[in-house]
Amino acid sequence: MRGLARALTGAVLAGSLGMLSGCSNDEIAGVQTGEIEVVLGMEGADVDSDGGLLLLDGENQGQLSVNVRRILESLEEGIYVIEVTGIAQNCTVAGENPRNVRVRAGQTTHEAFNYTCEAVGPKDPDDGDPEA
């Protein structure tokens, strides 16, 4: 009976070690993260030089300046909604806004919001100019 107990104990230990060896260090360390790199591009007449507000799943991520890359770090794998708001009405985005973005562990997802801005038109010389 003692031999059977030792054999069973050995089998259980061997099975446990086999299961542990199948786990990578990444799995043991916990949740893996990725990031999203966002850039705001603008061209045309009368561009909105102050940029816009960057939202991630509806939450404010701060100002997004024109031609400056922003990185949203430490995001768990999954799909996120990113959006740029507060852009002048004379500017139109190419593509979707908001848009779904997939984050994968250990990777950077690149997203560009490219706007084309139309001329607003000449300013009225009587608008707020006391010398006009």
Protein backbone atom coordinates (compact mmCIF):
# COMPACT_ATOMS: atom_id res chain seq x y z
CA MET A 1 0.00 0.00 0.00
CA ARG A 2 2.87 2.31 0.82
CA GLY A 3 4.32 1.84 -2.68
CA LEU A 4 0.98 2.79 -4.25
CA ALA A 5 0.82 5.96 -2.13
CA ARG A 6 4.34 6.93 -3.22
CA ALA A 7 3.49 6.29 -6.86
CA LEU A 8 0.33 8.40 -6.63
CA THR A 9 2.17 11.22 -4.83
CA GLY A 10 4.86 11.15 -7.50
CA ALA A 11 2.27 11.25 -10.29
CA VAL A 12 0.47 14.21 -8.68
CA LEU A 13 3.74 16.11 -8.25
CA ALA A 14 4.83 15.36 -11.80
CA GLY A 15 1.46 16.53 -13.14
CA SER A 16 1.63 19.74 -11.10
CA LEU A 17 5.13 20.50 -12.32
CA GLY A 18 4.05 19.80 -15.88
CA MET A 19 1.18 22.25 -15.55
CA LEU A 20 3.47 24.92 -14.11
CA SER A 21 6.06 24.45 -16.84
CA GLY A 22 3.33 25.12 -19.42
CA CYS A 23 2.84 28.63 -18.03
CA SER A 24 5.05 31.38 -19.37
CA ASN A 25 6.51 34.13 -17.22
CA ASP A 26 4.09 36.52 -18.93
CA GLU A 27 1.08 34.53 -17.72
CA ILE A 28 2.43 34.33 -14.19
CA ALA A 29 3.26 38.06 -14.11
CA GLY A 30 -0.41 38.98 -14.70
CA VAL A 31 -2.29 41.02 -17.25
CA GLN A 32 -0.29 42.16 -20.26
CA THR A 33 -0.81 45.64 -21.67
CA GLY A 34 -0.41 47.52 -24.93
CA GLU A 35 -0.71 51.14 -26.00
CA ILE A 36 -2.34 53.44 -28.52
CA GLU A 37 -0.35 56.17 -30.25
CA VAL A 38 -2.59 58.99 -31.50
CA VAL A 39 -1.66 61.89 -33.78
CA LEU A 40 -3.82 64.79 -34.96
CA GLY A 41 -3.03 66.10 -38.44
CA MET A 42 -4.51 69.19 -40.10
CA GLU A 43 -4.10 70.80 -43.48
CA GLY A 44 -5.84 73.43 -45.54
CA ALA A 45 -6.86 77.01 -44.86
CA ASP A 46 -7.76 78.25 -41.37
CA VAL A 47 -6.61 75.15 -39.45
CA ASP A 48 -7.66 74.76 -35.83
CA SER A 49 -4.22 75.42 -34.35
CA ASP A 50 -5.18 74.62 -30.75
CA GLY A 51 -6.12 71.03 -31.63
CA GLY A 52 -8.80 69.12 -29.79
CA LEU A 53 -9.65 67.02 -26.79
CA LEU A 54 -8.75 63.30 -26.82
CA LEU A 55 -11.31 60.88 -25.33
CA LEU A 56 -10.74 57.20 -24.51
CA ASP A 57 -13.98 55.33 -23.87
CA GLY A 58 -15.61 58.72 -23.26
CA GLU A 59 -13.06 59.81 -20.65
CA ASN A 60 -10.96 62.94 -21.07
CA GLN A 61 -7.31 62.19 -21.86
CA GLY A 62 -6.33 65.85 -22.26
CA GLN A 63 -5.52 68.18 -25.10
CA LEU A 64 -4.32 66.69 -28.39
CA SER A 65 -2.17 69.22 -30.21
CA VAL A 66 -1.71 69.29 -33.98
CA ASN A 67 1.18 67.11 -35.21
CA VAL A 68 2.14 65.98 -31.70
CA ARG A 69 2.01 62.27 -30.92
CA ARG A 70 0.24 61.17 -27.72
CA ILE A 71 0.65 57.69 -26.27
CA LEU A 72 -2.06 56.11 -24.15
CA GLU A 73 -0.12 53.52 -22.14
CA SER A 74 -0.80 50.48 -19.97
CA LEU A 75 -4.07 49.52 -21.66
CA GLU A 76 -5.33 45.98 -21.16
CA GLU A 77 -5.97 43.95 -24.30
CA GLY A 78 -9.34 44.74 -25.82
CA ILE A 79 -11.27 47.18 -27.94
CA TYR A 80 -11.41 50.86 -26.99
CA VAL A 81 -13.28 53.82 -28.44
CA ILE A 82 -11.13 56.87 -29.16
CA GLU A 83 -12.46 60.23 -30.25
CA VAL A 84 -11.22 63.76 -30.89
CA THR A 85 -13.66 66.54 -29.97
CA GLY A 86 -13.59 70.32 -29.97
CA ILE A 87 -12.28 70.77 -33.51
CA ALA A 88 -13.40 73.88 -35.41
CA GLN A 89 -16.52 73.44 -37.54
CA ASN A 90 -14.67 74.35 -40.75
CA CYS A 91 -12.54 71.19 -40.37
CA THR A 92 -13.62 67.72 -41.53
CA VAL A 93 -12.02 64.45 -40.44
CA ALA A 94 -11.03 61.75 -42.91
CA GLY A 95 -12.39 58.48 -41.54
CA GLU A 96 -14.45 57.71 -38.49
CA ASN A 97 -14.59 59.80 -35.33
CA PRO A 98 -15.17 58.18 -32.87
CA ARG A 99 -13.54 54.89 -33.86
CA ASN A 100 -12.91 51.47 -32.35
CA VAL A 101 -9.29 50.53 -31.77
CA ARG A 102 -7.98 47.08 -30.81
CA VAL A 103 -5.14 46.92 -28.27
CA ARG A 104 -2.92 43.83 -28.20
CA ALA A 105 -0.47 42.97 -25.43
CA GLY A 106 3.05 44.20 -26.05
CA GLN A 107 2.05 46.19 -29.16
CA THR A 108 1.49 49.81 -30.11
CA THR A 109 -1.60 50.58 -32.19
CA HIS A 110 -1.16 53.71 -34.36
CA GLU A 111 -4.16 55.94 -35.05
CA ALA A 112 -4.20 59.22 -36.99
CA PHE A 113 -7.04 61.71 -37.05
CA ASN A 114 -6.44 63.73 -40.22
CA TYR A 115 -8.50 66.86 -40.78
CA THR A 116 -8.89 69.10 -43.79
CA CYS A 117 -9.92 72.66 -42.98
CA GLU A 118 -11.73 75.03 -45.34
CA ALA A 119 -11.24 78.79 -45.42
CA VAL A 120 -13.59 80.58 -43.07
CA GLY A 121 -13.69 83.66 -45.31
CA PRO A 122 -12.62 87.27 -45.00
CA LYS A 123 -13.22 88.98 -41.71
CA ASP A 124 -15.65 91.87 -41.58
CA PRO A 125 -13.61 95.05 -41.06
CA ASP A 126 -16.35 96.43 -38.80
CA ASP A 127 -16.15 93.45 -36.41
CA GLY A 128 -14.73 94.75 -33.15
CA ASP A 129 -12.18 97.10 -34.70
CA PRO A 130 -12.79 100.57 -33.25
CA GLU A 131 -10.60 102.23 -35.89
CA ALA A 132 -12.50 100.78 -38.85
